[in-house]
Amino acid sequence: MCKSLLPVLCALSACGTLFAATPIFQERFNDSGTVEYLNGAEAGPGLTTQPGDKAYAARVETPDPTQPQPGATVDDVSALNGDLSQFTVTLWYKANREIQDPDSLIHIGGFYLLWDRVRGLTMRLGLPLGGEDFSNWLSPSIKGPVLPFNAVDEWIFYAITWNYDTRSCIIYQGTASAPAEIASEKHSFEVTGRVLGSTASIIGNHVDGHGNVIGHRAFSGQIDNIRIYDTVLDLDAIDVIRKADLANSDPKLP
């Protein structure tokens, strides 16, 4: 099984950057034993061509929000049950069609990541229970670049870092052949609280208590190698993750 919910082991690098040696959440999809695929979602071919490398796959050419849409849930994300003052999320996404409005990629705790035809790559942050109710769509000033037409059917690597103390958000983008680089960033903007971590984890779309995904746009494509670290990783560490994924291995961070 290639899914790990591991204790976080931290070390200081020579330059003083705080690295998390292991993710607090990881889903590589290589063994679907803890992933429940719903409404046509399934395990598909992974990022690499190596045997056993799989990804989460769904194909929806024309989403009908009145009907159940493909989605998946992960059984145990208890390591995310807490307030996240900083984090890094990394994943690979391969679109089968032009982005629609919107395509929901992941919803883990209070962190939502979507593709929107107008906003581009968009994240939404939710507060812990008991805090002031709010959501912050980090757009247009923090929107990621809209996928160009030639990125359809191409694996794109994304990393999103968030630091509550400095009110900073950075979106990185790379490919199988190009290293990750900053695509968008924003600093010193106002938010009202830390991100809520919880045991809710949905890949693809929102799922109700009966296991159906209704009323939300489905992405069409594949997602692979989702990881969450409870600290802000720098660009060097992020590219270590990208290269490890291309070797179908777990990244070894200092």
Protein backbone atom coordinates (compact mmCIF):
# COMPACT_ATOMS: atom_id res chain seq x y z
CA MET A 1 0.00 0.00 0.00
CA CYS A 2 1.48 3.35 -1.04
CA LYS A 3 -0.74 5.56 1.07
CA SER A 4 0.86 6.93 4.21
CA LEU A 5 -0.41 8.97 7.10
CA LEU A 6 2.83 9.50 8.93
CA PRO A 7 4.13 11.50 11.89
CA VAL A 8 5.89 14.63 10.83
CA LEU A 9 9.65 14.63 11.32
CA CYS A 10 11.24 18.00 10.86
CA ALA A 11 14.83 19.08 10.34
CA LEU A 12 16.55 22.37 9.69
CA SER A 13 18.55 22.68 6.50
CA ALA A 14 21.78 24.62 6.34
CA CYS A 15 19.92 27.67 5.07
CA GLY A 16 17.44 27.54 7.93
CA THR A 17 14.40 26.40 5.92
CA LEU A 18 12.08 24.14 7.84
CA PHE A 19 11.43 20.89 5.93
CA ALA A 20 8.92 18.19 6.80
CA ALA A 21 10.68 14.90 6.17
CA THR A 22 7.40 13.07 5.60
CA PRO A 23 3.94 14.23 4.52
CA ILE A 24 1.05 14.16 6.97
CA PHE A 25 -1.13 12.98 4.08
CA GLN A 26 -0.17 11.06 0.97
CA GLU A 27 -2.23 9.33 -1.71
CA ARG A 28 -0.41 7.86 -4.70
CA PHE A 29 -3.36 5.72 -5.91
CA ASN A 30 -1.05 2.79 -6.69
CA ASP A 31 -3.24 0.60 -4.47
CA SER A 32 -6.91 1.55 -4.47
CA GLY A 33 -7.63 -0.35 -1.25
CA THR A 34 -8.41 2.76 0.81
CA VAL A 35 -9.91 4.82 -2.00
CA GLU A 36 -13.63 4.56 -2.74
CA TYR A 37 -14.31 5.45 -6.37
CA LEU A 38 -17.83 6.72 -7.04
CA ASN A 39 -20.06 7.27 -10.05
CA GLY A 40 -17.69 6.24 -12.81
CA ALA A 41 -14.40 7.32 -11.24
CA GLU A 42 -11.72 4.64 -11.31
CA ALA A 43 -8.02 3.82 -11.05
CA GLY A 44 -6.36 4.76 -14.33
CA PRO A 45 -2.83 4.94 -15.71
CA GLY A 46 -0.40 6.87 -13.54
CA LEU A 47 2.11 9.62 -14.16
CA THR A 48 4.83 7.21 -15.26
CA THR A 49 4.72 4.14 -17.48
CA GLN A 50 6.16 1.94 -14.76
CA PRO A 51 4.16 -1.17 -13.76
CA GLY A 52 1.83 -0.58 -10.81
CA ASP A 53 1.78 3.22 -11.16
CA LYS A 54 -1.87 4.28 -11.09
CA ALA A 55 -3.83 7.53 -10.80
CA TYR A 56 -7.37 8.67 -10.00
CA ALA A 57 -9.25 8.94 -13.30
CA ALA A 58 -12.59 10.37 -14.40
CA ARG A 59 -13.89 11.39 -17.80
CA VAL A 60 -16.78 13.85 -18.02
CA GLU A 61 -17.01 15.62 -21.35
CA THR A 62 -20.15 17.63 -20.54
CA PRO A 63 -20.91 17.80 -16.79
CA ASP A 64 -24.57 17.68 -15.77
CA PRO A 65 -24.78 19.25 -12.28
CA THR A 66 -28.21 17.67 -11.72
CA GLN A 67 -26.72 14.16 -11.90
CA PRO A 68 -24.19 12.29 -9.75
CA GLN A 69 -20.65 13.11 -10.87
CA PRO A 70 -17.47 11.01 -10.56
CA GLY A 71 -15.64 11.42 -7.28
CA ALA A 72 -13.64 9.53 -4.66
CA THR A 73 -13.20 9.50 -0.91
CA VAL A 74 -10.23 8.47 1.24
CA ASP A 75 -10.99 6.44 4.36
CA ASP A 76 -8.55 7.85 6.91
CA VAL A 77 -7.19 11.38 6.96
CA SER A 78 -7.12 11.71 10.75
CA ALA A 79 -3.64 13.23 10.63
CA LEU A 80 -5.25 16.36 9.19
CA ASN A 81 -7.55 16.81 12.19
CA GLY A 82 -6.25 20.15 13.45
CA ASP A 83 -5.71 23.77 12.51
CA LEU A 84 -3.09 24.23 9.81
CA SER A 85 -1.20 27.49 10.23
CA GLN A 86 1.04 26.56 7.32
CA PHE A 87 1.15 23.79 4.76
CA THR A 88 2.31 22.66 1.33
CA VAL A 89 0.09 20.71 -1.07
CA THR A 90 1.57 18.99 -4.12
CA LEU A 91 -0.17 17.03 -6.88
CA TRP A 92 -0.18 16.20 -10.58
CA TYR A 93 -3.15 16.94 -12.83
CA LYS A 94 -3.77 15.86 -16.42
CA ALA A 95 -6.86 17.38 -18.04
CA ASN A 96 -8.78 15.50 -20.75
CA ARG A 97 -10.64 18.59 -21.95
CA GLU A 98 -10.66 22.36 -21.61
CA ILE A 99 -11.50 23.51 -18.10
CA GLN A 100 -15.19 24.14 -17.43
CA ASP A 101 -16.80 26.16 -14.63
CA PRO A 102 -15.52 25.02 -12.18
CA ASP A 103 -13.67 21.70 -12.08
CA SER A 104 -13.26 20.51 -8.49
CA LEU A 105 -9.93 18.76 -7.83
CA ILE A 106 -9.58 18.20 -4.08
CA HIS A 107 -11.32 19.18 -0.85
CA ILE A 108 -9.26 18.23 2.20
CA GLY A 109 -10.31 19.78 5.48
CA GLY A 110 -10.71 23.51 4.91
CA PHE A 111 -8.57 23.46 1.78
CA TYR A 112 -10.32 23.46 -1.59
CA LEU A 113 -8.50 23.40 -4.92
CA LEU A 114 -10.46 24.01 -8.10
CA TRP A 115 -10.02 24.94 -11.73
CA ASP A 116 -12.21 27.78 -12.88
CA ARG A 117 -12.50 29.07 -16.44
CA VAL A 118 -12.29 32.68 -15.21
CA ARG A 119 -10.11 32.45 -12.10
CA GLY A 120 -7.71 29.74 -13.24
CA LEU A 121 -6.19 27.61 -10.49
CA THR A 122 -8.02 28.69 -7.34
CA MET A 123 -7.80 27.74 -3.69
CA ARG A 124 -10.35 28.44 -1.00
CA LEU A 125 -9.61 28.48 2.71
CA GLY A 126 -12.12 27.69 5.45
CA LEU A 127 -11.83 28.55 9.14
CA PRO A 128 -11.90 26.05 12.00
CA LEU A 129 -15.27 25.27 13.58
CA GLY A 130 -16.20 27.96 16.07
CA GLY A 131 -14.35 30.65 14.18
CA GLU A 132 -15.83 33.38 12.06
CA ASP A 133 -17.46 31.85 8.99
CA PHE A 134 -15.66 32.93 5.85
CA SER A 135 -14.12 31.72 2.64
CA ASN A 136 -11.35 33.45 0.77
CA TRP A 137 -11.15 32.83 -2.95
CA LEU A 138 -7.61 33.97 -3.59
CA SER A 139 -8.42 35.67 -6.88
CA PRO A 140 -7.88 37.50 -9.06
CA SER A 141 -4.62 38.54 -7.41
CA ILE A 142 -3.57 35.00 -6.46
CA LYS A 143 -5.12 33.11 -9.35
CA GLY A 144 -2.96 30.60 -11.12
CA PRO A 145 -2.47 30.67 -14.86
CA VAL A 146 -5.32 29.14 -16.82
CA LEU A 147 -4.17 25.93 -18.47
CA PRO A 148 -3.16 26.67 -22.07
CA PHE A 149 -4.79 24.61 -24.77
CA ASN A 150 -1.61 22.62 -25.34
CA ALA A 151 -1.66 21.49 -21.70
CA VAL A 152 -4.69 19.27 -22.29
CA ASP A 153 -3.53 15.63 -22.10
CA GLU A 154 -0.27 16.75 -20.45
CA TRP A 155 0.67 16.05 -16.85
CA ILE A 156 1.14 19.34 -14.93
CA PHE A 157 2.77 19.45 -11.50
CA TYR A 158 1.39 21.91 -8.93
CA ALA A 159 2.53 22.94 -5.46
CA ILE A 160 0.67 25.41 -3.24
CA THR A 161 2.23 26.78 -0.06
CA TRP A 162 0.38 28.69 2.65
CA ASN A 163 1.73 30.53 5.71
CA TYR A 164 -0.80 32.07 8.07
CA ASP A 165 1.77 34.01 10.10
CA THR A 166 3.11 35.89 7.07
CA ARG A 167 -0.21 35.80 5.13
CA SER A 168 1.62 34.34 2.16
CA CYS A 169 0.44 32.03 -0.59
CA ILE A 170 2.59 30.79 -3.49
CA ILE A 171 1.50 28.60 -6.41
CA TYR A 172 4.22 26.69 -8.26
CA GLN A 173 3.85 24.94 -11.61
CA GLY A 174 6.05 22.46 -13.48
CA THR A 175 5.84 19.58 -15.96
CA ALA A 176 7.52 16.23 -16.49
CA SER A 177 10.27 17.96 -18.47
CA ALA A 178 10.40 21.41 -16.81
CA PRO A 179 11.25 22.15 -13.15
CA ALA A 180 8.70 23.80 -10.91
CA GLU A 181 8.70 27.60 -10.80
CA ILE A 182 6.53 30.28 -9.22
CA ALA A 183 3.34 30.82 -11.21
CA SER A 184 1.62 33.21 -8.80
CA GLU A 185 2.16 34.57 -5.29
CA LYS A 186 0.70 36.99 -2.80
CA HIS A 187 1.96 38.24 0.56
CA SER A 188 0.66 40.24 3.54
CA PHE A 189 -3.03 39.97 2.71
CA GLU A 190 -5.75 39.79 5.36
CA VAL A 191 -7.37 36.53 6.46
CA THR A 192 -9.31 35.89 9.65
CA GLY A 193 -7.94 32.55 10.80
CA ARG A 194 -5.99 29.39 10.20
CA VAL A 195 -7.12 26.71 7.77
CA LEU A 196 -9.35 24.01 9.18
CA GLY A 197 -7.95 20.51 9.09
CA SER A 198 -10.50 17.71 9.40
CA THR A 199 -11.18 14.07 8.62
CA ALA A 200 -13.16 15.05 5.52
CA SER A 201 -11.25 14.24 2.35
CA ILE A 202 -12.76 14.27 -1.11
CA ILE A 203 -10.98 13.90 -4.42
CA GLY A 204 -12.82 15.12 -7.48
CA ASN A 205 -16.07 16.50 -6.08
CA HIS A 206 -18.14 17.01 -2.94
CA VAL A 207 -19.77 13.79 -1.71
CA ASP A 208 -22.94 13.64 0.39
CA GLY A 209 -23.56 11.16 3.19
CA HIS A 210 -24.96 8.60 0.77
CA GLY A 211 -21.88 8.55 -1.40
CA ASN A 212 -23.29 10.54 -4.32
CA VAL A 213 -21.68 13.55 -5.91
CA ILE A 214 -24.41 15.93 -7.01
CA GLY A 215 -24.50 19.55 -8.10
CA HIS A 216 -20.78 20.13 -8.53
CA ARG A 217 -18.78 20.22 -11.74
CA ALA A 218 -16.61 17.19 -12.31
CA PHE A 219 -13.10 17.53 -13.66
CA SER A 220 -12.25 15.33 -16.60
CA GLY A 221 -8.80 13.80 -16.46
CA GLN A 222 -6.42 12.25 -13.95
CA ILE A 223 -4.95 13.23 -10.58
CA ASP A 224 -1.87 11.57 -9.12
CA ASN A 225 0.41 11.75 -6.08
CA ILE A 226 -1.40 14.11 -3.70
CA ARG A 227 0.69 15.08 -0.68
CA ILE A 228 0.22 17.51 2.21
CA TYR A 229 3.05 18.71 4.46
CA ASP A 230 2.35 20.74 7.59
CA THR A 231 5.02 23.31 6.78
CA VAL A 232 6.05 25.57 3.91
CA LEU A 233 8.52 23.85 1.59
CA ASP A 234 10.91 25.86 -0.53
CA LEU A 235 11.40 25.51 -4.28
CA ASP A 236 14.31 23.04 -3.96
CA ALA A 237 12.23 20.68 -1.81
CA ILE A 238 9.24 21.03 -4.12
CA ASP A 239 11.34 19.99 -7.11
CA VAL A 240 12.67 17.00 -5.16
CA ILE A 241 9.04 15.89 -4.90
CA ARG A 242 8.46 16.44 -8.62
CA LYS A 243 11.50 14.37 -9.57
CA ALA A 244 10.61 11.57 -7.13
CA ASP A 245 7.14 11.32 -8.65
CA LEU A 246 8.68 10.94 -12.10
CA ALA A 247 10.67 8.00 -10.73
CA ASN A 248 7.52 6.53 -9.12
CA SER A 249 9.13 6.74 -5.69
CA ASP A 250 8.52 8.54 -2.40
CA PRO A 251 10.48 11.80 -2.05
CA LYS A 252 13.30 11.92 0.48
CA LEU A 253 13.47 15.39 1.98
CA PRO A 254 16.16 16.38 4.53
